Amino acid sequence: MKKVYLALLAVFLNMFLFSCTKEDVADTEMLYHTVATEGDDGNPPPPPPPPPPPGE
């Protein structure tokens, strides 16, 4: 009888994992959508040249 109670308890507790999800998957995916902000139109510009060494 103890095994029956444990099985029912496991099923009952697992119901909480699925019963509260009312959001659409597409809405959740929009939260993690990556937007590129640099280099969309081509290659980014090269870095500036290093400063000359002191004393020259």
PDB file of N, CA and C in Angstrom:
ATOM      1  N   MET A   1       0.825  -1.199   0.000  1.00  0.00           N
ATOM      2  CA  MET A   1       0.000   0.000   0.000  1.00  0.00           C
ATOM      3  C   MET A   1       0.868   1.261   0.000  1.00  0.00           C
ATOM      4  N   LYS A   2       2.044   1.163   0.611  1.00  0.00           N
ATOM      5  CA  LYS A   2       2.929   2.305   0.669  1.00  0.00           C
ATOM      6  C   LYS A   2       3.398   2.707  -0.735  1.00  0.00           C
ATOM      7  N   LYS A   3       3.609   1.718  -1.609  1.00  0.00           N
ATOM      8  CA  LYS A   3       4.038   2.003  -2.976  1.00  0.00           C
ATOM      9  C   LYS A   3       2.947   2.715  -3.759  1.00  0.00           C
ATOM     10  N   VAL A   4       1.690   2.375  -3.484  1.00  0.00           N
ATOM     11  CA  VAL A   4       0.570   3.036  -4.164  1.00  0.00           C
ATOM     12  C   VAL A   4       0.525   4.505  -3.769  1.00  0.00           C
ATOM     13  N   TYR A   5       0.710   4.785  -2.482  1.00  0.00           N
ATOM     14  CA  TYR A   5       0.711   6.181  -2.025  1.00  0.00           C
ATOM     15  C   TYR A   5       1.878   6.955  -2.642  1.00  0.00           C
ATOM     16  N   LEU A   6       3.034   6.339  -2.730  1.00  0.00           N
ATOM     17  CA  LEU A   6       4.184   7.016  -3.333  1.00  0.00           C
ATOM     18  C   LEU A   6       3.957   7.276  -4.820  1.00  0.00           C
ATOM     19  N   ALA A   7       3.351   6.343  -5.518  1.00  0.00           N
ATOM     20  CA  ALA A   7       3.072   6.535  -6.937  1.00  0.00           C
ATOM     21  C   ALA A   7       2.050   7.652  -7.137  1.00  0.00           C
ATOM     22  N   LEU A   8       1.007   7.671  -6.329  1.00  0.00           N
ATOM     23  CA  LEU A   8      -0.001   8.736  -6.437  1.00  0.00           C
ATOM     24  C   LEU A   8       0.601  10.095  -6.088  1.00  0.00           C
ATOM     25  N   LEU A   9       1.463  10.123  -5.085  1.00  0.00           N
ATOM     26  CA  LEU A   9       2.108  11.372  -4.712  1.00  0.00           C
ATOM     27  C   LEU A   9       3.008  11.873  -5.846  1.00  0.00           C
ATOM     28  N   ALA A  10       3.719  10.975  -6.487  1.00  0.00           N
ATOM     29  CA  ALA A  10       4.579  11.364  -7.596  1.00  0.00           C
ATOM     30  C   ALA A  10       3.767  11.920  -8.762  1.00  0.00           C
ATOM     31  N   VAL A  11       2.662  11.282  -9.080  1.00  0.00           N
ATOM     32  CA  VAL A  11       1.796  11.770 -10.165  1.00  0.00           C
ATOM     33  C   VAL A  11       1.196  13.117  -9.801  1.00  0.00           C
ATOM     34  N   PHE A  12       0.763  13.270  -8.577  1.00  0.00           N
ATOM     35  CA  PHE A  12       0.158  14.523  -8.127  1.00  0.00           C
ATOM     36  C   PHE A  12       1.167  15.666  -8.162  1.00  0.00           C
ATOM     37  N   LEU A  13       2.391  15.417  -7.709  1.00  0.00           N
ATOM     38  CA  LEU A  13       3.398  16.479  -7.706  1.00  0.00           C
ATOM     39  C   LEU A  13       3.862  16.820  -9.123  1.00  0.00           C
ATOM     40  N   ASN A  14       3.881  15.864 -10.031  1.00  0.00           N
ATOM     41  CA  ASN A  14       4.274  16.142 -11.407  1.00  0.00           C
ATOM     42  C   ASN A  14       3.225  16.964 -12.146  1.00  0.00           C
ATOM     43  N   MET A  15       2.002  16.956 -11.685  1.00  0.00           N
ATOM     44  CA  MET A  15       0.954  17.755 -12.332  1.00  0.00           C
ATOM     45  C   MET A  15       1.264  19.243 -12.206  1.00  0.00           C
ATOM     46  N   PHE A  16       1.979  19.657 -11.174  1.00  0.00           N
ATOM     47  CA  PHE A  16       2.304  21.071 -11.001  1.00  0.00           C
ATOM     48  C   PHE A  16       3.280  21.554 -12.068  1.00  0.00           C
ATOM     49  N   LEU A  17       4.051  20.669 -12.631  1.00  0.00           N
ATOM     50  CA  LEU A  17       5.014  21.079 -13.645  1.00  0.00           C
ATOM     51  C   LEU A  17       4.337  21.474 -14.951  1.00  0.00           C
ATOM     52  N   PHE A  18       3.172  20.932 -15.235  1.00  0.00           N
ATOM     53  CA  PHE A  18       2.524  21.163 -16.524  1.00  0.00           C
ATOM     54  C   PHE A  18       1.215  21.948 -16.423  1.00  0.00           C
ATOM     55  N   SER A  19       0.662  22.090 -15.261  1.00  0.00           N
ATOM     56  CA  SER A  19      -0.665  22.685 -15.163  1.00  0.00           C
ATOM     57  C   SER A  19      -0.645  24.206 -15.217  1.00  0.00           C
ATOM     58  N   CYS A  20       0.475  24.841 -14.951  1.00  0.00           N
ATOM     59  CA  CYS A  20       0.507  26.299 -14.869  1.00  0.00           C
ATOM     60  C   CYS A  20       1.043  26.968 -16.129  1.00  0.00           C
ATOM     61  N   THR A  21       1.264  26.257 -17.192  1.00  0.00           N
ATOM     62  CA  THR A  21       1.831  26.850 -18.397  1.00  0.00           C
ATOM     63  C   THR A  21       0.706  27.269 -19.341  1.00  0.00           C
ATOM     64  N   LYS A  22       0.451  28.563 -19.397  1.00  0.00           N
ATOM     65  CA  LYS A  22      -0.574  29.069 -20.306  1.00  0.00           C
ATOM     66  C   LYS A  22       0.042  29.936 -21.394  1.00  0.00           C
ATOM     67  N   GLU A  23       1.344  30.213 -21.326  1.00  0.00           N
ATOM     68  CA  GLU A  23       1.991  31.063 -22.318  1.00  0.00           C
ATOM     69  C   GLU A  23       2.248  30.288 -23.609  1.00  0.00           C
ATOM     70  N   ASP A  24       2.204  31.004 -24.683  1.00  0.00           N
ATOM     71  CA  ASP A  24       2.513  30.414 -25.981  1.00  0.00           C
ATOM     72  C   ASP A  24       4.032  30.312 -26.129  1.00  0.00           C
ATOM     73  N   VAL A  25       4.494  29.326 -26.834  1.00  0.00           N
ATOM     74  CA  VAL A  25       5.932  29.136 -27.015  1.00  0.00           C
ATOM     75  C   VAL A  25       6.525  30.298 -27.806  1.00  0.00           C
ATOM     76  N   ALA A  26       5.774  30.850 -28.755  1.00  0.00           N
ATOM     77  CA  ALA A  26       6.269  31.965 -29.558  1.00  0.00           C
ATOM     78  C   ALA A  26       6.515  33.199 -28.688  1.00  0.00           C
ATOM     79  N   ASP A  27       5.673  33.419 -27.683  1.00  0.00           N
ATOM     80  CA  ASP A  27       5.880  34.551 -26.777  1.00  0.00           C
ATOM     81  C   ASP A  27       7.164  34.376 -25.976  1.00  0.00           C
ATOM     82  N   THR A  28       7.430  33.166 -25.556  1.00  0.00           N
ATOM     83  CA  THR A  28       8.639  32.900 -24.788  1.00  0.00           C
ATOM     84  C   THR A  28       9.873  33.043 -25.667  1.00  0.00           C
ATOM     85  N   GLU A  29       9.789  32.626 -26.921  1.00  0.00           N
ATOM     86  CA  GLU A  29      10.921  32.734 -27.829  1.00  0.00           C
ATOM     87  C   GLU A  29      11.285  34.192 -28.096  1.00  0.00           C
ATOM     88  N   MET A  30      10.316  35.087 -28.090  1.00  0.00           N
ATOM     89  CA  MET A  30      10.601  36.494 -28.341  1.00  0.00           C
ATOM     90  C   MET A  30      11.447  37.107 -27.226  1.00  0.00           C
ATOM     91  N   LEU A  31      11.404  36.546 -26.028  1.00  0.00           N
ATOM     92  CA  LEU A  31      12.219  37.064 -24.939  1.00  0.00           C
ATOM     93  C   LEU A  31      13.698  36.829 -25.192  1.00  0.00           C
ATOM     94  N   TYR A  32      14.019  35.761 -25.905  1.00  0.00           N
ATOM     95  CA  TYR A  32      15.407  35.385 -26.123  1.00  0.00           C
ATOM     96  C   TYR A  32      15.879  35.685 -27.538  1.00  0.00           C
ATOM     97  N   HIS A  33      15.142  36.509 -28.267  1.00  0.00           N
ATOM     98  CA  HIS A  33      15.487  36.860 -29.639  1.00  0.00           C
ATOM     99  C   HIS A  33      16.704  37.780 -29.626  1.00  0.00           C
ATOM    100  N   THR A  34      17.757  37.395 -30.327  1.00  0.00           N
ATOM    101  CA  THR A  34      18.985  38.182 -30.373  1.00  0.00           C
ATOM    102  C   THR A  34      18.921  39.163 -31.528  1.00  0.00           C
ATOM    103  N   VAL A  35      19.221  40.411 -31.243  1.00  0.00           N
ATOM    104  CA  VAL A  35      19.203  41.451 -32.252  1.00  0.00           C
ATOM    105  C   VAL A  35      20.637  41.924 -32.463  1.00  0.00           C
ATOM    106  N   ALA A  36      21.118  41.813 -33.693  1.00  0.00           N
ATOM    107  CA  ALA A  36      22.462  42.282 -34.006  1.00  0.00           C
ATOM    108  C   ALA A  36      22.452  43.800 -34.110  1.00  0.00           C
ATOM    109  N   THR A  37      23.447  44.445 -33.544  1.00  0.00           N
ATOM    110  CA  THR A  37      23.479  45.904 -33.555  1.00  0.00           C
ATOM    111  C   THR A  37      24.658  46.455 -34.338  1.00  0.00           C
ATOM    112  N   GLU A  38      25.553  45.592 -34.786  1.00  0.00           N
ATOM    113  CA  GLU A  38      26.740  46.078 -35.454  1.00  0.00           C
ATOM    114  C   GLU A  38      27.128  45.126 -36.579  1.00  0.00           C
ATOM    115  N   GLY A  39      27.547  45.669 -37.711  1.00  0.00           N
ATOM    116  CA  GLY A  39      28.037  44.838 -38.786  1.00  0.00           C
ATOM    117  C   GLY A  39      26.956  44.222 -39.648  1.00  0.00           C
ATOM    118  N   ASP A  40      25.733  44.735 -39.581  1.00  0.00           N
ATOM    119  CA  ASP A  40      24.655  44.179 -40.398  1.00  0.00           C
ATOM    120  C   ASP A  40      24.821  44.535 -41.872  1.00  0.00           C
ATOM    121  N   ASP A  41      25.381  45.705 -42.157  1.00  0.00           N
ATOM    122  CA  ASP A  41      25.475  46.186 -43.532  1.00  0.00           C
ATOM    123  C   ASP A  41      26.778  45.773 -44.210  1.00  0.00           C
ATOM    124  N   GLY A  42      27.643  45.108 -43.541  1.00  0.00           N
ATOM    125  CA  GLY A  42      28.925  44.714 -44.115  1.00  0.00           C
ATOM    126  C   GLY A  42      29.926  44.472 -43.000  1.00  0.00           C
ATOM    127  N   ASN A  43      31.176  44.485 -43.368  1.00  0.00           N
ATOM    128  CA  ASN A  43      32.226  44.283 -42.377  1.00  0.00           C
ATOM    129  C   ASN A  43      32.373  45.521 -41.497  1.00  0.00           C
ATOM    130  N   PRO A  44      32.636  45.340 -40.226  1.00  0.00           N
ATOM    131  CA  PRO A  44      32.843  46.515 -39.360  1.00  0.00           C
ATOM    132  C   PRO A  44      34.150  47.212 -39.735  1.00  0.00           C
ATOM    133  N   PRO A  45      34.258  48.492 -39.438  1.00  0.00           N
ATOM    134  CA  PRO A  45      35.485  49.214 -39.800  1.00  0.00           C
ATOM    135  C   PRO A  45      36.673  48.667 -39.001  1.00  0.00           C
ATOM    136  N   PRO A  46      37.876  48.776 -39.574  1.00  0.00           N
ATOM    137  CA  PRO A  46      39.056  48.281 -38.856  1.00  0.00           C
ATOM    138  C   PRO A  46      39.348  49.145 -37.629  1.00  0.00           C
ATOM    139  N   PRO A  47      40.071  48.623 -36.658  1.00  0.00           N
ATOM    140  CA  PRO A  47      40.391  49.419 -35.464  1.00  0.00           C
ATOM    141  C   PRO A  47      41.372  50.538 -35.830  1.00  0.00           C
ATOM    142  N   PRO A  48      41.395  51.601 -35.049  1.00  0.00           N
ATOM    143  CA  PRO A  48      42.316  52.694 -35.345  1.00  0.00           C
ATOM    144  C   PRO A  48      43.764  52.238 -35.139  1.00  0.00           C
ATOM    145  N   PRO A  49      44.703  52.902 -35.822  1.00  0.00           N
ATOM    146  CA  PRO A  49      46.113  52.508 -35.655  1.00  0.00           C
ATOM    147  C   PRO A  49      46.581  52.810 -34.229  1.00  0.00           C
ATOM    148  N   PRO A  50      47.570  52.083 -33.746  1.00  0.00           N
ATOM    149  CA  PRO A  50      48.057  52.325 -32.385  1.00  0.00           C
ATOM    150  C   PRO A  50      48.803  53.661 -32.317  1.00  0.00           C
ATOM    151  N   PRO A  51      48.835  54.275 -31.172  1.00  0.00           N
ATOM    152  CA  PRO A  51      49.546  55.566 -31.052  1.00  0.00           C
ATOM    153  C   PRO A  51      51.055  55.328 -31.206  1.00  0.00           C
ATOM    154  N   PRO A  52      51.758  56.364 -31.666  1.00  0.00           N
ATOM    155  CA  PRO A  52      53.205  56.214 -31.826  1.00  0.00           C
ATOM    156  C   PRO A  52      53.890  56.048 -30.455  1.00  0.00           C
ATOM    157  N   PRO A  53      54.987  55.357 -30.412  1.00  0.00           N
ATOM    158  CA  PRO A  53      55.685  55.210 -29.132  1.00  0.00           C
ATOM    159  C   PRO A  53      56.228  56.553 -28.650  1.00  0.00           C
ATOM    160  N   PRO A  54      56.327  56.714 -27.343  1.00  0.00           N
ATOM    161  CA  PRO A  54      56.826  58.014 -26.827  1.00  0.00           C
ATOM    162  C   PRO A  54      58.301  58.232 -27.219  1.00  0.00           C
ATOM    163  N   GLY A  55      58.639  59.459 -27.508  1.00  0.00           N
ATOM    164  CA  GLY A  55      59.998  59.818 -27.858  1.00  0.00           C
ATOM    165  C   GLY A  55      60.253  59.867 -29.339  1.00  0.00           C
ATOM    166  N   GLU A  56      59.316  59.605 -30.156  1.00  0.00           N
ATOM    167  CA  GLU A  56      59.549  59.686 -31.608  1.00  0.00           C
ATOM    168  C   GLU A  56      58.844  60.858 -32.199  1.00  0.00           C
TER     169      GLU A  56
END
